[in-house]
Amino acid sequence: MGPVAGVLSSVTGPINIRDAALRWRFIRRIGGDVMADRSFSGVFPILQMPFNEAGQIVFEDLRSEVEYAIRGGVHGVGIAYGSEVNKLDDHERDEVLSAVVDQANGRIKVVMNTGAPSTVQAIHYTRAAKVLGADAVMIAPPAVAGIPTTLVSQHLVEVASSTDIPIFMQDMNGAGMSPTLLADLSNAHENLCYAKIETLPTPNRFTETGELAGSNLSMFGGANGVFFIEEMRRGAKGTMQGIALCDIVRKTWDTFQAGNEVAAESMWNLYQPLVKLYTLAEGQLYWVAKEILRRRGVFTEAYPRMPAVKPDDGIFRELDSLMERLGVAPI
């Protein structure tokens, strides 16, 4: 057993986050191969999962979606809750990740959601994701009402200790992670070096997290870009939004990074009426986002996996009007 494995195997019982940080600094001093890839930045849209009316995955459309993302200039893609990953069985998860990694072929990075109710499951999914070629994984706290922060910390540190690829900690409504917790965890383990911050409103969480974590943590936005501009002003290293308008997101990102905040904000505000349509609750957003992809020539069919409430006809008429007015076309 090597020195790193020996230190980690000595952990028994609940993990104290301060002790985990001290232990990890010791591991780094004795030369463990623990340096996570901290190069992730830019536009990382979350893929939509293409299903046919019977609920089967259309893999040709999935590969088409990866090519569409690359044409749109993205830096990476994610397979996550927005991809309905929670509606896939384990075999489908592996098939989807394998297809996306194969189609990407090293041209962009691939992030796989490996969150699960138990630590054992999350470790299994994380190890499988690495074997199948994922560049990073994303994990939200287990959705257990009233779960203590100490158990959330233990869960994430144990998963981080099981792999050598970076982890996006996902702070989202219903499974929130406070700025203090994100900062503490980024100090506790080298692999816990990214955060996708989505608990609304996000701007104050970006400010506080950035102040507490400093360079230990790279912050990404999400939540379909509700506060995209504000997050960039507060130091976001990237954004993980829906994929339907990934080319517009990339143009907005580039404009902002070039120093023209006013132009970036004006560009993004122009598309807000359309973005608003694919933030609809009850599963309606899947219907809308997939219909946009179908009309842009990416998908051949536009169905979510049920159950998911279908928007009324008025929403689709509004979608017609907005896409025409804004000139949203195939790329």
C-alpha atoms as a PDB file:
ATOM      1  CA  MET A   1       0.000   0.000   0.000  1.00  0.00           C
ATOM      2  CA  GLY A   2       1.394   3.403  -1.004  1.00  0.00           C
ATOM      3  CA  PRO A   3       1.602   6.396   1.340  1.00  0.00           C
ATOM      4  CA  VAL A   4      -1.511   8.104  -0.060  1.00  0.00           C
ATOM      5  CA  ALA A   5      -3.620   4.954   0.111  1.00  0.00           C
ATOM      6  CA  GLY A   6      -2.338   4.317   3.622  1.00  0.00           C
ATOM      7  CA  VAL A   7      -3.397   7.740   4.851  1.00  0.00           C
ATOM      8  CA  LEU A   8      -6.819   7.509   3.259  1.00  0.00           C
ATOM      9  CA  SER A   9      -7.421   3.953   4.453  1.00  0.00           C
ATOM     10  CA  SER A  10      -6.826   5.087   8.028  1.00  0.00           C
ATOM     11  CA  VAL A  11     -10.046   7.118   7.971  1.00  0.00           C
ATOM     12  CA  THR A  12     -12.765   5.578  10.120  1.00  0.00           C
ATOM     13  CA  GLY A  13     -15.940   7.177  11.352  1.00  0.00           C
ATOM     14  CA  PRO A  14     -17.198  10.656  10.470  1.00  0.00           C
ATOM     15  CA  ILE A  15     -14.700  12.913   8.711  1.00  0.00           C
ATOM     16  CA  ASN A  16     -13.943  16.230  10.385  1.00  0.00           C
ATOM     17  CA  ILE A  17     -13.476  18.748   7.601  1.00  0.00           C
ATOM     18  CA  ARG A  18     -10.528  20.450   9.316  1.00  0.00           C
ATOM     19  CA  ASP A  19      -8.795  17.087   9.818  1.00  0.00           C
ATOM     20  CA  ALA A  20      -9.469  16.209   6.176  1.00  0.00           C
ATOM     21  CA  ALA A  21      -7.790  19.428   5.050  1.00  0.00           C
ATOM     22  CA  LEU A  22      -4.738  18.770   7.240  1.00  0.00           C
ATOM     23  CA  ARG A  23      -4.524  15.173   6.028  1.00  0.00           C
ATOM     24  CA  TRP A  24      -4.734  16.284   2.410  1.00  0.00           C
ATOM     25  CA  ARG A  25      -1.957  18.834   2.825  1.00  0.00           C
ATOM     26  CA  PHE A  26       0.159  16.028   4.334  1.00  0.00           C
ATOM     27  CA  ILE A  27      -0.551  13.802   1.324  1.00  0.00           C
ATOM     28  CA  ARG A  28       0.563  16.574  -1.025  1.00  0.00           C
ATOM     29  CA  ARG A  29       3.798  17.015   0.949  1.00  0.00           C
ATOM     30  CA  ILE A  30       4.721  13.326   0.703  1.00  0.00           C
ATOM     31  CA  GLY A  31       4.308  13.332  -3.041  1.00  0.00           C
ATOM     32  CA  GLY A  32       0.944  11.789  -3.749  1.00  0.00           C
ATOM     33  CA  ASP A  33      -0.234  12.094  -7.356  1.00  0.00           C
ATOM     34  CA  VAL A  34      -3.193  14.284  -6.475  1.00  0.00           C
ATOM     35  CA  MET A  35      -3.098  17.358  -8.692  1.00  0.00           C
ATOM     36  CA  ALA A  36      -6.542  17.866 -10.174  1.00  0.00           C
ATOM     37  CA  ASP A  37      -7.111  19.423 -13.592  1.00  0.00           C
ATOM     38  CA  ARG A  38      -7.915  23.061 -12.846  1.00  0.00           C
ATOM     39  CA  SER A  39      -8.016  24.195 -16.482  1.00  0.00           C
ATOM     40  CA  PHE A  40     -11.811  24.079 -16.900  1.00  0.00           C
ATOM     41  CA  SER A  41     -13.278  27.430 -17.910  1.00  0.00           C
ATOM     42  CA  GLY A  42     -15.792  28.878 -20.324  1.00  0.00           C
ATOM     43  CA  VAL A  43     -19.059  27.558 -21.706  1.00  0.00           C
ATOM     44  CA  PHE A  44     -20.126  24.043 -20.609  1.00  0.00           C
ATOM     45  CA  PRO A  45     -23.789  23.561 -21.592  1.00  0.00           C
ATOM     46  CA  ILE A  46     -25.806  20.691 -20.177  1.00  0.00           C
ATOM     47  CA  LEU A  47     -26.887  18.302 -22.931  1.00  0.00           C
ATOM     48  CA  GLN A  48     -30.541  17.545 -23.547  1.00  0.00           C
ATOM     49  CA  MET A  49     -31.308  13.830 -23.790  1.00  0.00           C
ATOM     50  CA  PRO A  50     -32.946  12.933 -27.111  1.00  0.00           C
ATOM     51  CA  PHE A  51     -35.822  10.488 -26.675  1.00  0.00           C
ATOM     52  CA  ASN A  52     -38.381   9.248 -29.164  1.00  0.00           C
ATOM     53  CA  GLU A  53     -42.077   9.081 -28.352  1.00  0.00           C
ATOM     54  CA  ALA A  54     -41.621   5.633 -26.796  1.00  0.00           C
ATOM     55  CA  GLY A  55     -38.995   6.996 -24.414  1.00  0.00           C
ATOM     56  CA  GLN A  56     -36.010   5.355 -26.106  1.00  0.00           C
ATOM     57  CA  ILE A  57     -32.724   7.257 -26.422  1.00  0.00           C
ATOM     58  CA  VAL A  58     -31.984   8.396 -29.988  1.00  0.00           C
ATOM     59  CA  PHE A  59     -28.208   7.997 -30.051  1.00  0.00           C
ATOM     60  CA  GLU A  60     -27.823   9.486 -33.522  1.00  0.00           C
ATOM     61  CA  ASP A  61     -29.381  12.692 -32.216  1.00  0.00           C
ATOM     62  CA  LEU A  62     -27.142  12.600 -29.143  1.00  0.00           C
ATOM     63  CA  ARG A  63     -24.062  12.503 -31.352  1.00  0.00           C
ATOM     64  CA  SER A  64     -25.542  15.264 -33.500  1.00  0.00           C
ATOM     65  CA  GLU A  65     -25.980  17.339 -30.344  1.00  0.00           C
ATOM     66  CA  VAL A  66     -22.300  16.996 -29.453  1.00  0.00           C
ATOM     67  CA  GLU A  67     -21.354  18.208 -32.945  1.00  0.00           C
ATOM     68  CA  TYR A  68     -23.806  21.090 -32.615  1.00  0.00           C
ATOM     69  CA  ALA A  69     -22.187  22.067 -29.311  1.00  0.00           C
ATOM     70  CA  ILE A  70     -18.746  22.021 -30.895  1.00  0.00           C
ATOM     71  CA  ARG A  71     -19.954  24.163 -33.811  1.00  0.00           C
ATOM     72  CA  GLY A  72     -21.378  26.558 -31.213  1.00  0.00           C
ATOM     73  CA  GLY A  73     -17.896  26.995 -29.753  1.00  0.00           C
ATOM     74  CA  VAL A  74     -18.390  25.377 -26.352  1.00  0.00           C
ATOM     75  CA  HIS A  75     -15.468  24.408 -24.156  1.00  0.00           C
ATOM     76  CA  GLY A  76     -17.170  21.333 -22.736  1.00  0.00           C
ATOM     77  CA  VAL A  77     -20.525  19.658 -22.153  1.00  0.00           C
ATOM     78  CA  GLY A  78     -22.261  18.192 -19.140  1.00  0.00           C
ATOM     79  CA  ILE A  79     -24.568  15.228 -18.649  1.00  0.00           C
ATOM     80  CA  ALA A  80     -26.652  16.113 -15.615  1.00  0.00           C
ATOM     81  CA  TYR A  81     -30.138  16.642 -14.214  1.00  0.00           C
ATOM     82  CA  GLY A  82     -30.946  18.893 -17.168  1.00  0.00           C
ATOM     83  CA  SER A  83     -30.163  15.844 -19.327  1.00  0.00           C
ATOM     84  CA  GLU A  84     -32.738  13.795 -17.366  1.00  0.00           C
ATOM     85  CA  VAL A  85     -29.856  11.635 -16.141  1.00  0.00           C
ATOM     86  CA  ASN A  86     -31.993  10.770 -13.112  1.00  0.00           C
ATOM     87  CA  LYS A  87     -34.422   9.037 -15.500  1.00  0.00           C
ATOM     88  CA  LEU A  88     -31.765   6.713 -16.947  1.00  0.00           C
ATOM     89  CA  ASP A  89     -30.934   3.236 -15.707  1.00  0.00           C
ATOM     90  CA  ASP A  90     -27.291   2.374 -15.016  1.00  0.00           C
ATOM     91  CA  HIS A  91     -26.759   0.719 -18.396  1.00  0.00           C
ATOM     92  CA  GLU A  92     -28.181   3.764 -20.190  1.00  0.00           C
ATOM     93  CA  ARG A  93     -25.954   6.089 -18.160  1.00  0.00           C
ATOM     94  CA  ASP A  94     -22.890   4.198 -19.348  1.00  0.00           C
ATOM     95  CA  GLU A  95     -24.101   4.074 -22.948  1.00  0.00           C
ATOM     96  CA  VAL A  96     -24.800   7.802 -23.008  1.00  0.00           C
ATOM     97  CA  LEU A  97     -21.454   8.789 -21.489  1.00  0.00           C
ATOM     98  CA  SER A  98     -19.584   6.426 -23.814  1.00  0.00           C
ATOM     99  CA  ALA A  99     -21.323   7.890 -26.871  1.00  0.00           C
ATOM    100  CA  VAL A 100     -20.668  11.492 -25.817  1.00  0.00           C
ATOM    101  CA  VAL A 101     -16.988  10.842 -25.023  1.00  0.00           C
ATOM    102  CA  ASP A 102     -16.549   8.988 -28.301  1.00  0.00           C
ATOM    103  CA  GLN A 103     -18.171  11.764 -30.343  1.00  0.00           C
ATOM    104  CA  ALA A 104     -16.282  14.510 -28.518  1.00  0.00           C
ATOM    105  CA  ASN A 105     -13.033  12.644 -29.255  1.00  0.00           C
ATOM    106  CA  GLY A 106     -10.969  14.965 -27.076  1.00  0.00           C
ATOM    107  CA  ARG A 107     -12.163  18.152 -28.792  1.00  0.00           C
ATOM    108  CA  ILE A 108     -14.097  19.330 -25.719  1.00  0.00           C
ATOM    109  CA  LYS A 109     -14.255  18.224 -22.097  1.00  0.00           C
ATOM    110  CA  VAL A 110     -17.056  16.029 -20.771  1.00  0.00           C
ATOM    111  CA  VAL A 111     -18.526  16.334 -17.256  1.00  0.00           C
ATOM    112  CA  MET A 112     -20.745  13.543 -15.898  1.00  0.00           C
ATOM    113  CA  ASN A 113     -23.188  13.845 -13.019  1.00  0.00           C
ATOM    114  CA  THR A 114     -22.419  11.080 -10.508  1.00  0.00           C
ATOM    115  CA  GLY A 115     -24.530  12.233  -7.591  1.00  0.00           C
ATOM    116  CA  ALA A 116     -26.463   9.561  -5.733  1.00  0.00           C
ATOM    117  CA  PRO A 117     -28.379   9.064  -2.477  1.00  0.00           C
ATOM    118  CA  SER A 118     -25.551   7.025  -0.944  1.00  0.00           C
ATOM    119  CA  THR A 119     -21.785   7.449  -0.829  1.00  0.00           C
ATOM    120  CA  VAL A 120     -21.285   3.905  -2.125  1.00  0.00           C
ATOM    121  CA  GLN A 121     -23.376   4.675  -5.221  1.00  0.00           C
ATOM    122  CA  ALA A 122     -21.655   8.008  -5.850  1.00  0.00           C
ATOM    123  CA  ILE A 123     -18.226   6.367  -5.640  1.00  0.00           C
ATOM    124  CA  HIS A 124     -19.348   3.640  -8.041  1.00  0.00           C
ATOM    125  CA  TYR A 125     -20.731   6.153 -10.548  1.00  0.00           C
ATOM    126  CA  THR A 126     -17.613   8.324 -10.249  1.00  0.00           C
ATOM    127  CA  ARG A 127     -15.236   5.437 -10.868  1.00  0.00           C
ATOM    128  CA  ALA A 128     -17.345   4.257 -13.802  1.00  0.00           C
ATOM    129  CA  ALA A 129     -17.356   7.775 -15.267  1.00  0.00           C
ATOM    130  CA  LYS A 130     -13.571   7.925 -15.199  1.00  0.00           C
ATOM    131  CA  VAL A 131     -13.244   4.518 -16.848  1.00  0.00           C
ATOM    132  CA  LEU A 132     -15.643   5.617 -19.596  1.00  0.00           C
ATOM    133  CA  GLY A 133     -13.628   8.768 -20.288  1.00  0.00           C
ATOM    134  CA  ALA A 134     -15.262  11.617 -18.364  1.00  0.00           C
ATOM    135  CA  ASP A 135     -12.895  14.511 -17.661  1.00  0.00           C
ATOM    136  CA  ALA A 136     -14.709  15.511 -14.463  1.00  0.00           C
ATOM    137  CA  VAL A 137     -17.817  14.667 -12.467  1.00  0.00           C
ATOM    138  CA  MET A 138     -20.507  16.753 -10.777  1.00  0.00           C
ATOM    139  CA  ILE A 139     -22.124  15.895  -7.443  1.00  0.00           C
ATOM    140  CA  ALA A 140     -24.880  17.552  -5.423  1.00  0.00           C
ATOM    141  CA  PRO A 141     -25.444  16.716  -1.750  1.00  0.00           C
ATOM    142  CA  PRO A 142     -27.777  13.771  -1.168  1.00  0.00           C
ATOM    143  CA  ALA A 143     -31.345  15.069  -1.145  1.00  0.00           C
ATOM    144  CA  VAL A 144     -32.085  13.954   2.410  1.00  0.00           C
ATOM    145  CA  ALA A 145     -34.170  16.379   4.431  1.00  0.00           C
ATOM    146  CA  GLY A 146     -32.281  17.738   7.410  1.00  0.00           C
ATOM    147  CA  ILE A 147     -28.998  15.950   6.651  1.00  0.00           C
ATOM    148  CA  PRO A 148     -26.229  17.475   8.823  1.00  0.00           C
ATOM    149  CA  THR A 149     -23.426  19.415   7.158  1.00  0.00           C
ATOM    150  CA  THR A 150     -20.894  17.010   8.654  1.00  0.00           C
ATOM    151  CA  LEU A 151     -22.428  14.121   6.723  1.00  0.00           C
ATOM    152  CA  VAL A 152     -22.501  16.130   3.485  1.00  0.00           C
ATOM    153  CA  SER A 153     -18.806  16.892   4.002  1.00  0.00           C
ATOM    154  CA  GLN A 154     -17.987  13.261   4.717  1.00  0.00           C
ATOM    155  CA  HIS A 155     -19.895  12.160   1.621  1.00  0.00           C
ATOM    156  CA  LEU A 156     -18.028  14.520  -0.706  1.00  0.00           C
ATOM    157  CA  VAL A 157     -14.576  13.971   0.795  1.00  0.00           C
ATOM    158  CA  GLU A 158     -14.972  10.195   0.554  1.00  0.00           C
ATOM    159  CA  VAL A 159     -16.024  10.433  -3.094  1.00  0.00           C
ATOM    160  CA  ALA A 160     -13.151  12.829  -3.827  1.00  0.00           C
ATOM    161  CA  SER A 161     -10.700  10.411  -2.193  1.00  0.00           C
ATOM    162  CA  SER A 162     -11.897   7.595  -4.448  1.00  0.00           C
ATOM    163  CA  THR A 163     -10.816   9.226  -7.716  1.00  0.00           C
ATOM    164  CA  ASP A 164      -8.193  11.418  -9.343  1.00  0.00           C
ATOM    165  CA  ILE A 165     -10.476  13.495 -11.551  1.00  0.00           C
ATOM    166  CA  PRO A 166     -11.898  16.883 -10.505  1.00  0.00           C
ATOM    167  CA  ILE A 167     -15.340  17.269  -8.983  1.00  0.00           C
ATOM    168  CA  PHE A 168     -17.915  20.012  -9.469  1.00  0.00           C
ATOM    169  CA  MET A 169     -19.814  20.459  -6.221  1.00  0.00           C
ATOM    170  CA  GLN A 170     -23.360  21.402  -7.181  1.00  0.00           C
ATOM    171  CA  ASP A 171     -25.167  23.942  -5.012  1.00  0.00           C
ATOM    172  CA  MET A 172     -28.785  23.977  -6.146  1.00  0.00           C
ATOM    173  CA  ASN A 173     -32.277  24.650  -4.859  1.00  0.00           C
ATOM    174  CA  GLY A 174     -33.345  21.695  -2.743  1.00  0.00           C
ATOM    175  CA  ALA A 175     -29.750  20.562  -2.165  1.00  0.00           C
ATOM    176  CA  GLY A 176     -27.963  23.737  -1.240  1.00  0.00           C
ATOM    177  CA  MET A 177     -24.327  24.129  -0.218  1.00  0.00           C
ATOM    178  CA  SER A 178     -23.459  27.294   1.677  1.00  0.00           C
ATOM    179  CA  PRO A 179     -20.479  29.432   0.649  1.00  0.00           C
ATOM    180  CA  THR A 180     -18.733  28.408   3.877  1.00  0.00           C
ATOM    181  CA  LEU A 181     -19.230  24.712   3.132  1.00  0.00           C
ATOM    182  CA  LEU A 182     -18.006  25.074  -0.455  1.00  0.00           C
ATOM    183  CA  ALA A 183     -14.918  26.944   0.715  1.00  0.00           C
ATOM    184  CA  ASP A 184     -14.165  24.443   3.492  1.00  0.00           C
ATOM    185  CA  LEU A 185     -14.508  21.478   1.135  1.00  0.00           C
ATOM    186  CA  SER A 186     -12.283  23.067  -1.494  1.00  0.00           C
ATOM    187  CA  ASN A 187      -9.628  23.267   1.224  1.00  0.00           C
ATOM    188  CA  ALA A 188     -10.308  19.713   2.423  1.00  0.00           C
ATOM    189  CA  HIS A 189      -9.527  17.922  -0.829  1.00  0.00           C
ATOM    190  CA  GLU A 190      -7.680  18.837  -4.014  1.00  0.00           C
ATOM    191  CA  ASN A 191     -10.328  17.240  -6.234  1.00  0.00           C
ATOM    192  CA  LEU A 192     -13.138  19.405  -4.816  1.00  0.00           C
ATOM    193  CA  CYS A 193     -11.959  22.351  -6.883  1.00  0.00           C
ATOM    194  CA  TYR A 194     -15.065  23.424  -8.843  1.00  0.00           C
ATOM    195  CA  ALA A 195     -18.514  24.594  -7.794  1.00  0.00           C
ATOM    196  CA  LYS A 196     -21.654  24.991  -9.853  1.00  0.00           C
ATOM    197  CA  ILE A 197     -23.623  27.593  -7.909  1.00  0.00           C
ATOM    198  CA  GLU A 198     -27.361  27.598  -8.668  1.00  0.00           C
ATOM    199  CA  THR A 199     -29.212  28.361  -5.443  1.00  0.00           C
ATOM    200  CA  LEU A 200     -31.077  31.562  -6.287  1.00  0.00           C
ATOM    201  CA  PRO A 201     -30.302  34.370  -6.091  1.00  0.00           C
ATOM    202  CA  THR A 202     -26.747  33.473  -7.113  1.00  0.00           C
ATOM    203  CA  PRO A 203     -24.876  36.833  -7.149  1.00  0.00           C
ATOM    204  CA  ASN A 204     -24.454  37.125  -3.376  1.00  0.00           C
ATOM    205  CA  ARG A 205     -23.434  33.450  -3.165  1.00  0.00           C
ATOM    206  CA  PHE A 206     -20.729  34.054  -5.800  1.00  0.00           C
ATOM    207  CA  THR A 207     -19.412  37.046  -3.879  1.00  0.00           C
ATOM    208  CA  GLU A 208     -19.275  35.262  -0.530  1.00  0.00           C
ATOM    209  CA  THR A 209     -17.920  31.994  -1.921  1.00  0.00           C
ATOM    210  CA  GLY A 210     -15.196  33.802  -3.835  1.00  0.00           C
ATOM    211  CA  GLU A 211     -14.137  35.753  -0.756  1.00  0.00           C
ATOM    212  CA  LEU A 212     -13.972  32.619   1.409  1.00  0.00           C
ATOM    213  CA  ALA A 213     -12.453  30.144  -1.052  1.00  0.00           C
ATOM    214  CA  GLY A 214     -10.123  32.354  -3.060  1.00  0.00           C
ATOM    215  CA  SER A 215      -8.102  30.516  -5.704  1.00  0.00           C
ATOM    216  CA  ASN A 216      -8.942  27.100  -4.212  1.00  0.00           C
ATOM    217  CA  LEU A 217     -12.285  27.020  -6.005  1.00  0.00           C
ATOM    218  CA  SER A 218     -13.384  27.800  -9.570  1.00  0.00           C
ATOM    219  CA  MET A 219     -17.004  28.970  -9.629  1.00  0.00           C
ATOM    220  CA  PHE A 220     -19.403  28.178 -12.490  1.00  0.00           C
ATOM    221  CA  GLY A 221     -22.907  29.520 -12.960  1.00  0.00           C
ATOM    222  CA  GLY A 222     -25.985  27.676 -14.155  1.00  0.00           C
ATOM    223  CA  ALA A 223     -29.737  28.016 -13.604  1.00  0.00           C
ATOM    224  CA  ASN A 224     -30.169  28.753 -17.325  1.00  0.00           C
ATOM    225  CA  GLY A 225     -28.258  32.003 -17.065  1.00  0.00           C
ATOM    226  CA  VAL A 226     -30.740  33.930 -14.932  1.00  0.00           C
ATOM    227  CA  PHE A 227     -27.775  35.855 -13.463  1.00  0.00           C
ATOM    228  CA  PHE A 228     -25.210  35.085 -16.193  1.00  0.00           C
ATOM    229  CA  ILE A 229     -23.812  38.613 -16.442  1.00  0.00           C
ATOM    230  CA  GLU A 230     -23.813  39.206 -12.690  1.00  0.00           C
ATOM    231  CA  GLU A 231     -21.969  35.928 -12.125  1.00  0.00           C
ATOM    232  CA  MET A 232     -19.245  36.879 -14.587  1.00  0.00           C
ATOM    233  CA  ARG A 233     -18.839  40.206 -12.799  1.00  0.00           C
ATOM    234  CA  ARG A 234     -18.268  38.268  -9.588  1.00  0.00           C
ATOM    235  CA  GLY A 235     -15.546  36.040 -10.941  1.00  0.00           C
ATOM    236  CA  ALA A 236     -17.304  33.090 -12.600  1.00  0.00           C
ATOM    237  CA  LYS A 237     -14.796  30.884 -14.416  1.00  0.00           C
ATOM    238  CA  GLY A 238     -17.525  29.368 -16.532  1.00  0.00           C
ATOM    239  CA  THR A 239     -21.207  28.722 -17.049  1.00  0.00           C
ATOM    240  CA  MET A 240     -23.270  25.522 -17.257  1.00  0.00           C
ATOM    241  CA  GLN A 241     -26.593  26.471 -18.818  1.00  0.00           C
ATOM    242  CA  GLY A 242     -29.002  24.788 -21.187  1.00  0.00           C
ATOM    243  CA  ILE A 243     -27.637  23.883 -24.598  1.00  0.00           C
ATOM    244  CA  ALA A 244     -30.409  25.186 -26.860  1.00  0.00           C
ATOM    245  CA  LEU A 245     -28.698  28.578 -27.328  1.00  0.00           C
ATOM    246  CA  CYS A 246     -25.090  27.534 -26.659  1.00  0.00           C
ATOM    247  CA  ASP A 247     -23.761  29.649 -29.538  1.00  0.00           C
ATOM    248  CA  ILE A 248     -25.380  32.779 -28.071  1.00  0.00           C
ATOM    249  CA  VAL A 249     -23.981  31.939 -24.635  1.00  0.00           C
ATOM    250  CA  ARG A 250     -20.489  31.606 -26.145  1.00  0.00           C
ATOM    251  CA  LYS A 251     -20.777  34.947 -27.981  1.00  0.00           C
ATOM    252  CA  THR A 252     -21.943  36.629 -24.777  1.00  0.00           C
ATOM    253  CA  TRP A 253     -19.104  35.020 -22.819  1.00  0.00           C
ATOM    254  CA  ASP A 254     -16.489  36.134 -25.351  1.00  0.00           C
ATOM    255  CA  THR A 255     -17.838  39.677 -25.482  1.00  0.00           C
ATOM    256  CA  PHE A 256     -17.712  39.976 -21.698  1.00  0.00           C
ATOM    257  CA  GLN A 257     -14.241  38.433 -21.443  1.00  0.00           C
ATOM    258  CA  ALA A 258     -13.019  40.917 -24.053  1.00  0.00           C
ATOM    259  CA  GLY A 259     -13.968  43.711 -21.653  1.00  0.00           C
ATOM    260  CA  ASN A 260     -17.196  44.917 -23.245  1.00  0.00           C
ATOM    261  CA  GLU A 261     -19.646  44.328 -20.395  1.00  0.00           C
ATOM    262  CA  VAL A 262     -22.339  46.639 -21.770  1.00  0.00           C
ATOM    263  CA  ALA A 263     -22.433  44.893 -25.148  1.00  0.00           C
ATOM    264  CA  ALA A 264     -22.483  41.473 -23.465  1.00  0.00           C
ATOM    265  CA  GLU A 265     -25.368  42.470 -21.225  1.00  0.00           C
ATOM    266  CA  SER A 266     -27.331  43.929 -24.139  1.00  0.00           C
ATOM    267  CA  MET A 267     -26.794  40.773 -26.186  1.00  0.00           C
ATOM    268  CA  TRP A 268     -27.910  38.489 -23.361  1.00  0.00           C
ATOM    269  CA  ASN A 269     -30.941  40.610 -22.496  1.00  0.00           C
ATOM    270  CA  LEU A 270     -32.118  40.397 -26.102  1.00  0.00           C
ATOM    271  CA  TYR A 271     -32.615  36.628 -25.766  1.00  0.00           C
ATOM    272  CA  GLN A 272     -34.203  36.598 -22.306  1.00  0.00           C
ATOM    273  CA  PRO A 273     -37.811  36.130 -23.528  1.00  0.00           C
ATOM    274  CA  LEU A 274     -36.696  32.931 -25.276  1.00  0.00           C
ATOM    275  CA  VAL A 275     -34.508  31.749 -22.402  1.00  0.00           C
ATOM    276  CA  LYS A 276     -37.477  32.232 -20.064  1.00  0.00           C
ATOM    277  CA  LEU A 277     -39.472  29.657 -22.033  1.00  0.00           C
ATOM    278  CA  TYR A 278     -37.017  26.882 -21.316  1.00  0.00           C
ATOM    279  CA  THR A 279     -36.993  27.514 -17.586  1.00  0.00           C
ATOM    280  CA  LEU A 280     -40.601  26.369 -17.215  1.00  0.00           C
ATOM    281  CA  ALA A 281     -41.231  23.982 -14.320  1.00  0.00           C
ATOM    282  CA  GLU A 282     -42.956  20.573 -14.165  1.00  0.00           C
ATOM    283  CA  GLY A 283     -40.786  19.215 -16.978  1.00  0.00           C
ATOM    284  CA  GLN A 284     -42.107  21.723 -19.517  1.00  0.00           C
ATOM    285  CA  LEU A 285     -38.581  23.052 -20.096  1.00  0.00           C
ATOM    286  CA  TYR A 286     -37.562  19.713 -21.648  1.00  0.00           C
ATOM    287  CA  TRP A 287     -40.277  19.979 -24.303  1.00  0.00           C
ATOM    288  CA  VAL A 288     -39.291  23.547 -25.162  1.00  0.00           C
ATOM    289  CA  ALA A 289     -35.509  23.065 -25.192  1.00  0.00           C
ATOM    290  CA  LYS A 290     -35.798  19.944 -27.334  1.00  0.00           C
ATOM    291  CA  GLU A 291     -38.174  21.679 -29.728  1.00  0.00           C
ATOM    292  CA  ILE A 292     -35.617  24.472 -30.168  1.00  0.00           C
ATOM    293  CA  LEU A 293     -32.981  21.836 -30.930  1.00  0.00           C
ATOM    294  CA  ARG A 294     -35.320  20.119 -33.387  1.00  0.00           C
ATOM    295  CA  ARG A 295     -35.967  23.396 -35.193  1.00  0.00           C
ATOM    296  CA  ARG A 296     -32.230  24.082 -35.299  1.00  0.00           C
ATOM    297  CA  GLY A 297     -31.681  20.787 -37.095  1.00  0.00           C
ATOM    298  CA  VAL A 298     -30.064  18.960 -34.173  1.00  0.00           C
ATOM    299  CA  PHE A 299     -32.820  16.574 -33.051  1.00  0.00           C
ATOM    300  CA  THR A 300     -35.164  14.571 -35.243  1.00  0.00           C
ATOM    301  CA  GLU A 301     -37.647  14.151 -32.362  1.00  0.00           C
ATOM    302  CA  ALA A 302     -38.418  16.326 -29.340  1.00  0.00           C
ATOM    303  CA  TYR A 303     -39.765  14.243 -26.472  1.00  0.00           C
ATOM    304  CA  PRO A 304     -38.763  14.083 -22.808  1.00  0.00           C
ATOM    305  CA  ARG A 305     -38.955  10.852 -20.854  1.00  0.00           C
ATOM    306  CA  MET A 306     -42.243  10.838 -19.006  1.00  0.00           C
ATOM    307  CA  PRO A 307     -43.606  12.082 -16.736  1.00  0.00           C
ATOM    308  CA  ALA A 308     -43.159  15.668 -17.917  1.00  0.00           C
ATOM    309  CA  VAL A 309     -45.969  18.181 -18.378  1.00  0.00           C
ATOM    310  CA  LYS A 310     -46.344  19.309 -21.997  1.00  0.00           C
ATOM    311  CA  PRO A 311     -46.695  23.085 -22.478  1.00  0.00           C
ATOM    312  CA  ASP A 312     -49.914  24.392 -23.973  1.00  0.00           C
ATOM    313  CA  ASP A 313     -50.171  25.394 -27.621  1.00  0.00           C
ATOM    314  CA  GLY A 314     -49.701  29.039 -26.717  1.00  0.00           C
ATOM    315  CA  ILE A 315     -46.148  28.378 -25.531  1.00  0.00           C
ATOM    316  CA  PHE A 316     -45.244  26.803 -28.860  1.00  0.00           C
ATOM    317  CA  ARG A 317     -46.788  29.732 -30.752  1.00  0.00           C
ATOM    318  CA  GLU A 318     -44.685  32.090 -28.643  1.00  0.00           C
ATOM    319  CA  LEU A 319     -41.662  29.943 -29.399  1.00  0.00           C
ATOM    320  CA  ASP A 320     -42.370  30.259 -33.136  1.00  0.00           C
ATOM    321  CA  SER A 321     -42.594  34.020 -32.891  1.00  0.00           C
ATOM    322  CA  LEU A 322     -39.478  34.475 -30.765  1.00  0.00           C
ATOM    323  CA  MET A 323     -37.264  32.208 -32.862  1.00  0.00           C
ATOM    324  CA  GLU A 324     -38.306  34.042 -36.008  1.00  0.00           C
ATOM    325  CA  ARG A 325     -37.878  37.510 -34.491  1.00  0.00           C
ATOM    326  CA  LEU A 326     -34.486  36.717 -32.968  1.00  0.00           C
ATOM    327  CA  GLY A 327     -33.207  34.880 -36.021  1.00  0.00           C
ATOM    328  CA  VAL A 328     -32.460  31.639 -34.126  1.00  0.00           C
ATOM    329  CA  ALA A 329     -31.484  29.263 -36.916  1.00  0.00           C
ATOM    330  CA  PRO A 330     -29.368  26.146 -37.451  1.00  0.00           C
ATOM    331  CA  ILE A 331     -25.608  26.545 -36.976  1.00  0.00           C
END
